[in-house]
Amino acid sequence: MISLLEVAERIHKGPKMEEKDWDLGIFKKMGELTKKYGIAYPKDGSYFNLDDEMAEAAFRAAVEFLVDRGVYCLSTRRVVKFDKKEVLEAIAEAPNAITVGEGMDARVIKQKRVEGEEMLGQCPGHHAPFTEQMAPLVVKNFAQIASTDYLEGFNFTVVDGRDIFGIPLEAYAARREVAWLREGVRKAGRPGLAVAYYPINTKASTLIAPMDPDYGLRRTDGVLLSILPDTKMEQDMLTAAIVYDEYGCFKVNGGANSPIGGFCGGAEGAAIEAIAKTIAGWIVYRDTIFNTGVWDINVTTKKKIDILPQQKWGCSLVLQGLNNHTNFISNGVTHAQSGPGTETHLIEMGIIAVNDAINGANLYIVRQARARMDASQTPLEAEFMMEVANATVRARIGRKEGNRVLKKLIETIQGRDVEPGCDHVNDCYDWVHHQPYKEYAEIYENVKQVFRNCGIPV
């Protein structure tokens, strides 16, 4: 397949284009593709795509998008172009399983089948802001979750009492982040557990800074190198991709998802772009794990719980298109309106788990969509998601039955006021004893009963 060095040449030799022209071109192209391939939400309230030919069409539309449009490099204002042979060859060479971590803590992360009977993998945290005072204890608690395959890093604004500003402090903060991750997994008794660096920023110097087999990123660890919104890439991330490719780290595409309401239009165009961004991440960065799907661009601003059927359908279409026609390993999209410590948050998380289990996605980080410092996630939500996903798989709930189950679950919270959640995760979770406080534990037990009543035997 096309080499990363070839991509590095093309970001300087591709057609010149202004960013606004690229963005408007996406809007036009997605309109053409949805019509050409007949991709349309059925408008019947479905939460799952039940039309296998539609998933096939979405995949073919995504390939055509990449061949016709390519990927836009923000750094050089040029378009990286691929021909159809290059795209199809790259898809054929993608792995369907990777090993992360080392020793007793090594895990194999695999592609899951749509309506499959395999248990899901999980990256339960963090991709959220935590202070350095909280970091090691938070990591330890997420590492204590038995289903954890790897842990992602977190972002923060202050390190050693200093604001993180400028390349020297950014590089230092990057190393401290990974050091806290390593310390946390060691305290949990899982020193070989894989961690993935969540970039402080996307400068090459900061991306590469934590590479250190003794105190930083090992060759069995990972790094987020994400395709940016509207199918864009950066030269610095490509630089890091080349270095990490030789070093041996696995790479995660944290941006292989698309919003409803952006330049791609509705759920149909967003689904096409999400598939295309997944393929693009493998070609231009060699990403092997993809956080993919469709999400509601207004999720952080709504005052009432509003779960869109077409958003769930779009996720279903993306995951079916990828799992039926590629080897790519997908994580589901996790965006919750409400915050941790609340009933609505747990129900939202459980709904996502049902979606992922049926659509063939591994479980990804649980957090409130508008992440808040020390207030976005606890291990309880991640453990609950895995309980729900396993129960869904064991009950062999497929897409048709899944539609009925999700309708019941969504009706329990649709239209409620968004619950912001606790002001600090210490208010609802005991990080010393790895358990929720009494009030949150009671909410959790009540939510489990809600799911049993709706057909999920947790």
Protein backbone atom coordinates (compact mmCIF):
# COMPACT_ATOMS: atom_id res chain seq x y z
CA MET A 1 0.00 0.00 0.00
CA ILE A 2 1.01 3.65 -0.29
CA SER A 3 3.83 4.48 2.16
CA LEU A 4 3.77 7.24 4.75
CA LEU A 5 6.78 8.76 2.97
CA GLU A 6 4.71 8.96 -0.20
CA VAL A 7 1.98 10.73 1.76
CA ALA A 8 4.66 13.11 3.09
CA GLU A 9 5.58 14.02 -0.50
CA ARG A 10 1.99 14.46 -1.60
CA ILE A 11 1.18 17.01 1.12
CA HIS A 12 3.63 19.29 -0.71
CA LYS A 13 2.79 18.31 -4.29
CA GLY A 14 -1.00 17.97 -4.25
CA PRO A 15 -3.39 20.56 -5.70
CA LYS A 16 -3.46 23.91 -3.89
CA MET A 17 -6.81 24.83 -2.34
CA GLU A 18 -8.11 27.31 0.20
CA GLU A 19 -9.74 25.75 3.26
CA LYS A 20 -13.12 27.44 2.68
CA ASP A 21 -13.24 26.00 -0.84
CA TRP A 22 -12.49 22.55 0.55
CA ASP A 23 -15.26 22.87 3.14
CA LEU A 24 -17.85 24.01 0.62
CA GLY A 25 -16.76 21.25 -1.74
CA ILE A 26 -17.50 18.65 0.96
CA PHE A 27 -21.05 19.98 1.31
CA LYS A 28 -21.61 19.77 -2.45
CA LYS A 29 -20.01 16.33 -2.81
CA MET A 30 -21.99 14.77 0.04
CA GLY A 31 -25.21 16.00 -1.52
CA GLU A 32 -24.22 14.35 -4.79
CA LEU A 33 -23.21 11.07 -3.16
CA THR A 34 -26.31 10.64 -1.02
CA LYS A 35 -28.48 11.06 -4.12
CA LYS A 36 -26.31 8.89 -6.38
CA TYR A 37 -26.21 5.98 -3.92
CA GLY A 38 -29.73 6.39 -2.56
CA ILE A 39 -28.61 6.83 1.03
CA ALA A 40 -31.50 8.12 3.10
CA TYR A 41 -32.80 7.72 6.63
CA PRO A 42 -36.07 5.72 6.37
CA LYS A 43 -37.94 8.24 8.60
CA ASP A 44 -39.68 5.43 10.45
CA GLY A 45 -38.05 6.04 13.82
CA SER A 46 -35.44 3.29 13.31
CA TYR A 47 -32.37 3.34 15.53
CA PHE A 48 -30.58 0.65 13.51
CA ASN A 49 -30.00 0.31 9.81
CA LEU A 50 -31.89 -2.80 8.68
CA ASP A 51 -30.96 -2.50 5.00
CA ASP A 52 -27.71 -4.34 4.18
CA GLU A 53 -27.67 -2.82 0.69
CA MET A 54 -27.71 0.65 2.27
CA ALA A 55 -24.56 -0.21 4.26
CA GLU A 56 -22.94 -1.44 1.03
CA ALA A 57 -23.91 1.81 -0.70
CA ALA A 58 -22.52 3.96 2.13
CA PHE A 59 -19.19 2.13 1.93
CA ARG A 60 -18.96 2.58 -1.86
CA ALA A 61 -19.88 6.25 -1.49
CA ALA A 62 -17.07 6.73 1.06
CA VAL A 63 -14.52 5.15 -1.28
CA GLU A 64 -15.71 7.41 -4.10
CA PHE A 65 -15.43 10.43 -1.79
CA LEU A 66 -11.80 9.62 -0.96
CA VAL A 67 -10.89 8.98 -4.60
CA ASP A 68 -12.63 12.12 -5.86
CA ARG A 69 -11.79 14.51 -3.02
CA GLY A 70 -8.83 13.07 -1.06
CA VAL A 71 -7.69 14.49 2.30
CA TYR A 72 -6.96 18.17 2.93
CA CYS A 73 -3.65 19.07 4.60
CA LEU A 74 -4.16 22.14 6.79
CA SER A 75 -0.41 22.74 7.12
CA THR A 76 0.32 23.08 3.39
CA ARG A 77 -3.15 23.97 2.06
CA ARG A 78 -2.88 21.16 -0.43
CA VAL A 79 -5.07 18.14 -1.18
CA VAL A 80 -3.56 14.67 -0.80
CA LYS A 81 -5.03 12.63 -3.65
CA PHE A 82 -5.38 8.84 -4.02
CA ASP A 83 -6.56 6.72 -6.90
CA LYS A 84 -9.09 3.93 -6.43
CA LYS A 85 -6.47 1.17 -6.60
CA GLU A 86 -4.49 2.78 -3.77
CA VAL A 87 -7.58 3.12 -1.58
CA LEU A 88 -8.74 -0.46 -2.14
CA GLU A 89 -5.24 -1.89 -1.64
CA ALA A 90 -4.94 -0.01 1.66
CA ILE A 91 -8.32 -1.31 2.85
CA ALA A 92 -7.30 -4.88 2.01
CA GLU A 93 -4.09 -4.62 4.08
CA ALA A 94 -5.65 -3.29 7.31
CA PRO A 95 -5.35 -5.67 10.31
CA ASN A 96 -8.46 -7.02 12.05
CA ALA A 97 -6.63 -7.57 15.37
CA ILE A 98 -3.71 -5.97 17.20
CA THR A 99 -1.89 -6.82 20.44
CA VAL A 100 -1.38 -3.99 22.93
CA GLY A 101 0.40 -3.97 26.26
CA GLU A 102 2.97 -6.48 27.44
CA GLY A 103 3.44 -9.54 29.63
CA MET A 104 0.46 -10.67 31.69
CA ASP A 105 -1.35 -7.44 30.79
CA ALA A 106 -1.16 -7.83 27.01
CA ARG A 107 -4.56 -7.75 25.28
CA VAL A 108 -5.68 -8.56 21.75
CA ILE A 109 -8.12 -5.99 20.38
CA LYS A 110 -10.25 -7.29 17.52
CA GLN A 111 -12.85 -6.22 15.04
CA LYS A 112 -16.33 -7.26 16.20
CA ARG A 113 -19.10 -8.63 13.98
CA VAL A 114 -22.45 -6.94 13.50
CA GLU A 115 -24.92 -8.86 15.73
CA GLY A 116 -21.97 -11.03 16.79
CA GLU A 117 -21.66 -13.17 19.90
CA GLU A 118 -18.18 -12.04 20.95
CA MET A 119 -17.72 -9.99 24.10
CA LEU A 120 -16.65 -6.42 23.39
CA GLY A 121 -13.29 -4.84 24.13
CA GLN A 122 -13.08 -1.61 26.12
CA CYS A 123 -11.07 1.56 26.59
CA PRO A 124 -12.99 3.00 29.58
CA GLY A 125 -11.13 6.31 30.22
CA HIS A 126 -10.01 9.09 29.98
CA HIS A 127 -10.03 11.63 27.05
CA ALA A 128 -11.18 14.16 29.65
CA PRO A 129 -9.58 16.90 31.78
CA PHE A 130 -8.15 16.02 35.19
CA THR A 131 -5.84 17.97 37.48
CA GLU A 132 -2.43 16.54 38.27
CA GLN A 133 -3.58 16.02 41.87
CA MET A 134 -6.31 13.62 40.70
CA ALA A 135 -4.49 11.96 37.83
CA PRO A 136 -2.64 8.95 39.36
CA LEU A 137 -5.61 7.88 41.52
CA VAL A 138 -8.03 8.24 38.61
CA VAL A 139 -5.81 6.14 36.34
CA LYS A 140 -5.47 3.46 39.03
CA ASN A 141 -9.24 3.17 39.36
CA PHE A 142 -9.87 2.86 35.62
CA ALA A 143 -7.05 0.30 35.37
CA GLN A 144 -8.80 -1.75 38.07
CA ILE A 145 -11.74 -2.36 35.72
CA ALA A 146 -11.26 -5.97 34.64
CA SER A 147 -12.43 -5.37 31.05
CA THR A 148 -9.89 -2.58 30.40
CA ASP A 149 -7.82 -3.33 27.30
CA TYR A 150 -5.95 -0.03 27.30
CA LEU A 151 -6.27 3.42 28.86
CA GLU A 152 -6.17 6.74 27.08
CA GLY A 153 -4.51 9.80 28.55
CA PHE A 154 -6.12 13.05 29.62
CA ASN A 155 -5.66 16.77 29.16
CA PHE A 156 -4.84 19.42 31.74
CA THR A 157 -3.82 23.08 31.80
CA VAL A 158 -1.33 23.27 34.67
CA VAL A 159 1.73 21.11 35.42
CA ASP A 160 3.91 21.51 38.52
CA GLY A 161 2.00 24.72 39.25
CA ARG A 162 2.89 26.24 35.87
CA ASP A 163 0.51 27.08 33.01
CA ILE A 164 1.27 24.90 30.01
CA PHE A 165 2.38 27.39 27.39
CA GLY A 166 5.13 27.08 24.78
CA ILE A 167 7.01 24.09 23.40
CA PRO A 168 9.30 23.38 26.42
CA LEU A 169 6.40 23.17 28.90
CA GLU A 170 4.23 21.31 26.39
CA ALA A 171 6.90 18.66 25.90
CA TYR A 172 7.37 18.37 29.67
CA ALA A 173 3.61 18.09 30.22
CA ALA A 174 3.40 15.35 27.58
CA ARG A 175 6.01 13.31 29.44
CA ARG A 176 4.31 13.92 32.79
CA GLU A 177 0.96 12.75 31.40
CA VAL A 178 2.38 9.41 30.31
CA ALA A 179 4.37 9.09 33.57
CA TRP A 180 1.10 9.51 35.53
CA LEU A 181 -0.53 6.87 33.33
CA ARG A 182 2.33 4.45 33.96
CA GLU A 183 2.25 5.16 37.70
CA GLY A 184 -1.50 4.60 37.84
CA VAL A 185 -1.51 1.25 36.04
CA ARG A 186 1.40 0.10 38.22
CA LYS A 187 -0.53 1.00 41.39
CA ALA A 188 -3.46 -1.02 40.04
CA GLY A 189 -1.20 -4.08 39.78
CA ARG A 190 -1.25 -4.03 35.97
CA PRO A 191 2.16 -2.59 35.00
CA GLY A 192 2.04 -4.03 31.48
CA LEU A 193 -1.37 -2.50 30.64
CA ALA A 194 -1.21 -0.43 27.46
CA VAL A 195 -1.72 3.32 27.62
CA ALA A 196 -2.40 5.71 24.74
CA TYR A 197 -1.05 9.25 24.80
CA TYR A 198 -3.74 11.92 24.49
CA PRO A 199 -1.86 14.83 22.85
CA ILE A 200 -1.37 18.06 24.80
CA ASN A 201 -1.34 19.65 21.33
CA THR A 202 -0.52 18.54 17.78
CA LYS A 203 3.00 19.96 17.38
CA ALA A 204 5.40 17.21 16.32
CA SER A 205 7.75 18.01 19.21
CA THR A 206 4.96 17.53 21.74
CA LEU A 207 3.61 14.41 20.04
CA ILE A 208 7.00 12.70 20.07
CA ALA A 209 8.21 13.94 23.50
CA PRO A 210 6.81 11.04 25.61
CA MET A 211 8.47 8.32 23.52
CA ASP A 212 10.54 6.51 26.16
CA PRO A 213 10.53 2.73 26.80
CA ASP A 214 11.54 3.17 30.44
CA TYR A 215 9.46 6.09 31.70
CA GLY A 216 7.14 7.05 28.83
CA LEU A 217 5.49 5.35 25.89
CA ARG A 218 6.67 1.82 25.33
CA ARG A 219 6.55 0.12 21.92
CA THR A 220 3.42 -1.69 23.09
CA ASP A 221 1.65 1.58 23.99
CA GLY A 222 -0.28 3.91 21.70
CA VAL A 223 -0.89 7.50 20.62
CA LEU A 224 -3.88 9.42 19.25
CA LEU A 225 -3.26 10.68 15.73
CA SER A 226 -6.66 11.77 14.55
CA ILE A 227 -8.14 12.82 11.24
CA LEU A 228 -9.54 16.29 11.89
CA PRO A 229 -13.10 17.49 11.22
CA ASP A 230 -14.07 17.69 7.54
CA THR A 231 -11.47 15.09 6.50
CA LYS A 232 -8.34 17.11 7.23
CA MET A 233 -4.83 16.17 8.33
CA GLU A 234 -1.77 17.98 9.70
CA GLN A 235 1.90 17.74 8.76
CA ASP A 236 2.99 17.47 12.39
CA MET A 237 0.75 14.45 13.00
CA LEU A 238 2.12 12.80 9.87
CA THR A 239 5.62 13.46 11.22
CA ALA A 240 4.71 11.72 14.47
CA ALA A 241 3.04 8.88 12.54
CA ILE A 242 6.27 8.17 10.65
CA VAL A 243 8.34 8.17 13.86
CA TYR A 244 5.88 6.03 15.84
CA ASP A 245 5.44 3.64 12.93
CA GLU A 246 9.12 2.75 13.13
CA TYR A 247 9.11 2.76 16.94
CA GLY A 248 6.20 0.32 17.06
CA CYS A 249 3.31 2.08 18.89
CA PHE A 250 -0.28 1.42 17.89
CA LYS A 251 -2.20 4.49 16.75
CA VAL A 252 -5.78 5.57 17.46
CA ASN A 253 -7.90 7.70 15.17
CA GLY A 254 -9.93 9.66 17.70
CA GLY A 255 -11.62 11.71 14.98
CA ALA A 256 -13.10 9.10 12.65
CA ASN A 257 -16.59 10.36 13.41
CA SER A 258 -18.76 13.09 11.91
CA PRO A 259 -21.46 15.45 13.18
CA ILE A 260 -24.99 15.84 11.90
CA GLY A 261 -25.31 19.50 11.00
CA GLY A 262 -21.75 20.17 9.78
CA PHE A 263 -20.50 20.55 6.20
CA CYS A 264 -21.59 16.96 5.49
CA GLY A 265 -25.24 17.83 6.11
CA GLY A 266 -27.52 15.26 7.69
CA ALA A 267 -26.90 11.79 9.07
CA GLU A 268 -26.49 10.37 5.56
CA GLY A 269 -23.56 12.60 4.59
CA ALA A 270 -22.05 12.33 8.07
CA ALA A 271 -22.09 8.53 7.78
CA ILE A 272 -20.27 8.65 4.44
CA GLU A 273 -17.62 10.96 5.87
CA ALA A 274 -17.15 8.83 9.01
CA ILE A 275 -16.39 5.79 6.86
CA ALA A 276 -14.06 7.86 4.67
CA LYS A 277 -12.24 9.32 7.70
CA THR A 278 -11.70 5.82 9.06
CA ILE A 279 -10.09 4.68 5.82
CA ALA A 280 -8.10 7.93 5.59
CA GLY A 281 -6.70 7.48 9.11
CA TRP A 282 -5.21 4.14 8.12
CA ILE A 283 -3.73 5.53 4.89
CA VAL A 284 -2.17 8.78 6.13
CA TYR A 285 -1.27 7.91 9.76
CA ARG A 286 -1.48 4.08 9.94
CA ASP A 287 -4.15 4.26 12.64
CA THR A 288 -5.45 0.81 13.58
CA ILE A 289 -8.21 1.64 16.11
CA PHE A 290 -10.98 4.00 15.08
CA ASN A 291 -13.47 5.94 17.20
CA THR A 292 -16.13 6.18 14.54
CA GLY A 293 -19.80 6.93 14.01
CA VAL A 294 -22.20 9.87 13.79
CA TRP A 295 -23.02 12.40 16.50
CA ASP A 296 -25.33 15.37 17.03
CA ILE A 297 -23.47 18.68 16.68
CA ASN A 298 -25.86 20.26 19.20
CA VAL A 299 -25.29 17.67 21.93
CA THR A 300 -23.49 20.10 24.24
CA THR A 301 -26.03 22.93 24.02
CA LYS A 302 -29.41 21.24 24.46
CA LYS A 303 -31.28 21.86 27.71
CA LYS A 304 -33.53 18.80 27.30
CA ILE A 305 -32.51 15.20 26.63
CA ASP A 306 -32.97 14.79 22.88
CA ILE A 307 -31.71 11.52 21.39
CA LEU A 308 -32.09 11.62 17.61
CA PRO A 309 -33.14 8.36 15.90
CA GLN A 310 -31.19 9.34 12.77
CA GLN A 311 -28.03 9.74 14.85
CA LYS A 312 -28.26 6.17 16.13
CA TRP A 313 -29.17 5.00 12.61
CA GLY A 314 -26.14 6.84 11.22
CA CYS A 315 -23.82 5.10 13.69
CA SER A 316 -25.37 1.79 12.73
CA LEU A 317 -24.82 2.51 9.02
CA VAL A 318 -21.16 3.46 9.56
CA LEU A 319 -20.31 0.41 11.66
CA GLN A 320 -22.13 -2.00 9.34
CA GLY A 321 -20.45 -0.49 6.28
CA LEU A 322 -17.01 -0.85 7.88
CA ASN A 323 -17.45 -4.25 9.53
CA ASN A 324 -18.98 -5.85 6.42
CA HIS A 325 -16.34 -4.59 3.99
CA THR A 326 -13.09 -3.97 5.92
CA ASN A 327 -10.95 -5.32 8.75
CA PHE A 328 -10.98 -2.03 10.67
CA ILE A 329 -11.31 -2.20 14.46
CA SER A 330 -14.01 0.24 15.55
CA ASN A 331 -14.93 1.88 18.83
CA GLY A 332 -18.39 3.39 19.19
CA VAL A 333 -19.08 7.11 19.60
CA THR A 334 -19.83 8.10 23.21
CA HIS A 335 -21.53 11.47 23.66
CA ALA A 336 -23.80 12.02 26.67
CA GLN A 337 -25.72 15.20 27.34
CA SER A 338 -25.95 14.70 31.11
CA GLY A 339 -23.16 14.36 33.65
CA PRO A 340 -21.89 11.60 35.98
CA GLY A 341 -23.64 10.93 39.25
CA THR A 342 -27.08 11.09 37.62
CA GLU A 343 -29.72 8.65 36.42
CA THR A 344 -29.94 10.16 32.95
CA HIS A 345 -26.18 9.85 32.44
CA LEU A 346 -26.21 6.13 33.21
CA ILE A 347 -29.21 5.52 30.97
CA GLU A 348 -27.55 7.44 28.12
CA MET A 349 -24.41 5.35 28.56
CA GLY A 350 -26.40 2.12 28.62
CA ILE A 351 -28.21 3.07 25.41
CA ILE A 352 -24.85 3.58 23.70
CA ALA A 353 -23.68 0.17 24.98
CA VAL A 354 -26.71 -1.54 23.41
CA ASN A 355 -25.94 0.22 20.13
CA ASP A 356 -22.29 -0.82 20.16
CA ALA A 357 -22.97 -4.44 21.09
CA ILE A 358 -25.40 -4.91 18.20
CA ASN A 359 -23.47 -2.86 15.62
CA GLY A 360 -20.12 -4.57 16.24
CA ALA A 361 -18.15 -1.80 17.99
CA ASN A 362 -15.87 -2.02 20.99
CA LEU A 363 -16.71 0.26 23.92
CA TYR A 364 -14.95 3.59 24.06
CA ILE A 365 -14.44 6.20 26.75
CA VAL A 366 -17.44 7.16 28.85
CA ARG A 367 -17.82 10.86 29.55
CA GLN A 368 -20.09 13.85 29.33
CA ALA A 369 -19.91 15.44 25.86
CA ARG A 370 -18.94 18.84 27.29
CA ALA A 371 -16.04 17.62 29.39
CA ARG A 372 -15.38 19.45 32.67
CA MET A 373 -12.24 19.45 34.80
CA ASP A 374 -12.41 16.64 37.40
CA ALA A 375 -16.14 16.24 36.68
CA SER A 376 -16.63 14.22 33.48
CA GLN A 377 -16.36 10.50 34.30
CA THR A 378 -16.07 7.78 36.95
CA PRO A 379 -15.37 4.06 36.55
CA LEU A 380 -18.99 3.19 37.41
CA GLU A 381 -20.30 4.35 34.03
CA ALA A 382 -17.69 2.28 32.19
CA GLU A 383 -18.45 -0.82 34.26
CA PHE A 384 -22.17 -0.34 33.68
CA MET A 385 -21.65 -0.02 29.91
CA MET A 386 -19.78 -3.32 29.85
CA GLU A 387 -22.53 -4.99 31.91
CA VAL A 388 -25.17 -3.77 29.44
CA ALA A 389 -23.12 -4.73 26.37
CA ASN A 390 -22.45 -8.24 27.69
CA ALA A 391 -26.11 -8.70 28.60
CA THR A 392 -27.12 -7.59 25.09
CA VAL A 393 -24.73 -10.06 23.48
CA ARG A 394 -25.74 -12.93 25.78
CA ALA A 395 -29.42 -12.29 25.04
CA ARG A 396 -28.60 -12.35 21.31
CA ILE A 397 -30.50 -9.15 20.69
CA GLY A 398 -30.27 -8.24 17.00
CA ARG A 399 -31.09 -5.09 15.06
CA LYS A 400 -34.86 -5.60 14.85
CA GLU A 401 -35.27 -6.42 18.54
CA GLY A 402 -32.73 -3.71 19.30
CA ASN A 403 -35.04 -1.14 17.73
CA ARG A 404 -37.81 -2.10 20.15
CA VAL A 405 -35.47 -2.13 23.15
CA LEU A 406 -33.94 1.26 22.35
CA LYS A 407 -37.34 2.81 21.79
CA LYS A 408 -38.39 1.78 25.31
CA LEU A 409 -35.12 2.94 26.87
CA ILE A 410 -35.08 6.29 25.11
CA GLU A 411 -38.69 6.96 26.10
CA THR A 412 -37.63 6.78 29.78
CA ILE A 413 -35.47 9.93 29.45
CA GLN A 414 -36.45 11.71 26.22
CA GLY A 415 -37.49 15.29 26.95
CA ARG A 416 -36.16 15.35 30.52
CA ASP A 417 -34.06 18.27 31.71
CA VAL A 418 -30.36 17.62 31.16
CA GLU A 419 -28.80 16.80 34.54
CA PRO A 420 -25.40 18.53 34.69
CA GLY A 421 -24.01 16.00 37.15
CA CYS A 422 -21.72 16.41 40.14
CA ASP A 423 -19.43 19.44 40.42
CA HIS A 424 -16.48 17.15 41.18
CA VAL A 425 -16.20 13.40 40.75
CA ASN A 426 -15.19 13.16 44.41
CA ASP A 427 -18.81 14.04 45.23
CA CYS A 428 -20.20 10.79 43.80
CA TYR A 429 -17.27 8.34 43.70
CA ASP A 430 -14.90 6.94 46.34
CA TRP A 431 -11.55 6.76 44.54
CA VAL A 432 -9.82 5.14 47.52
CA HIS A 433 -12.16 2.15 47.71
CA HIS A 434 -13.10 1.98 43.99
CA GLN A 435 -16.83 2.29 44.46
CA PRO A 436 -19.61 4.86 44.10
CA TYR A 437 -20.94 6.60 47.17
CA LYS A 438 -24.27 5.38 48.52
CA GLU A 439 -26.54 7.79 46.63
CA TYR A 440 -24.92 7.05 43.25
CA ALA A 441 -24.91 3.31 44.02
CA GLU A 442 -28.67 3.46 44.62
CA ILE A 443 -29.16 5.34 41.33
CA TYR A 444 -27.12 2.64 39.59
CA GLU A 445 -29.29 -0.18 41.00
CA ASN A 446 -32.46 1.67 39.95
CA VAL A 447 -31.11 2.15 36.42
CA LYS A 448 -30.31 -1.56 36.15
CA GLN A 449 -33.97 -2.25 36.87
CA VAL A 450 -34.96 0.20 34.13
CA PHE A 451 -32.89 -1.81 31.67
CA ARG A 452 -34.36 -5.11 32.86
CA ASN A 453 -37.84 -3.69 32.35
CA CYS A 454 -36.90 -2.74 28.78
CA GLY A 455 -35.51 -6.17 27.87
CA ILE A 456 -31.79 -6.02 28.79
CA PRO A 457 -31.10 -8.70 31.44
CA VAL A 458 -28.37 -6.94 33.46
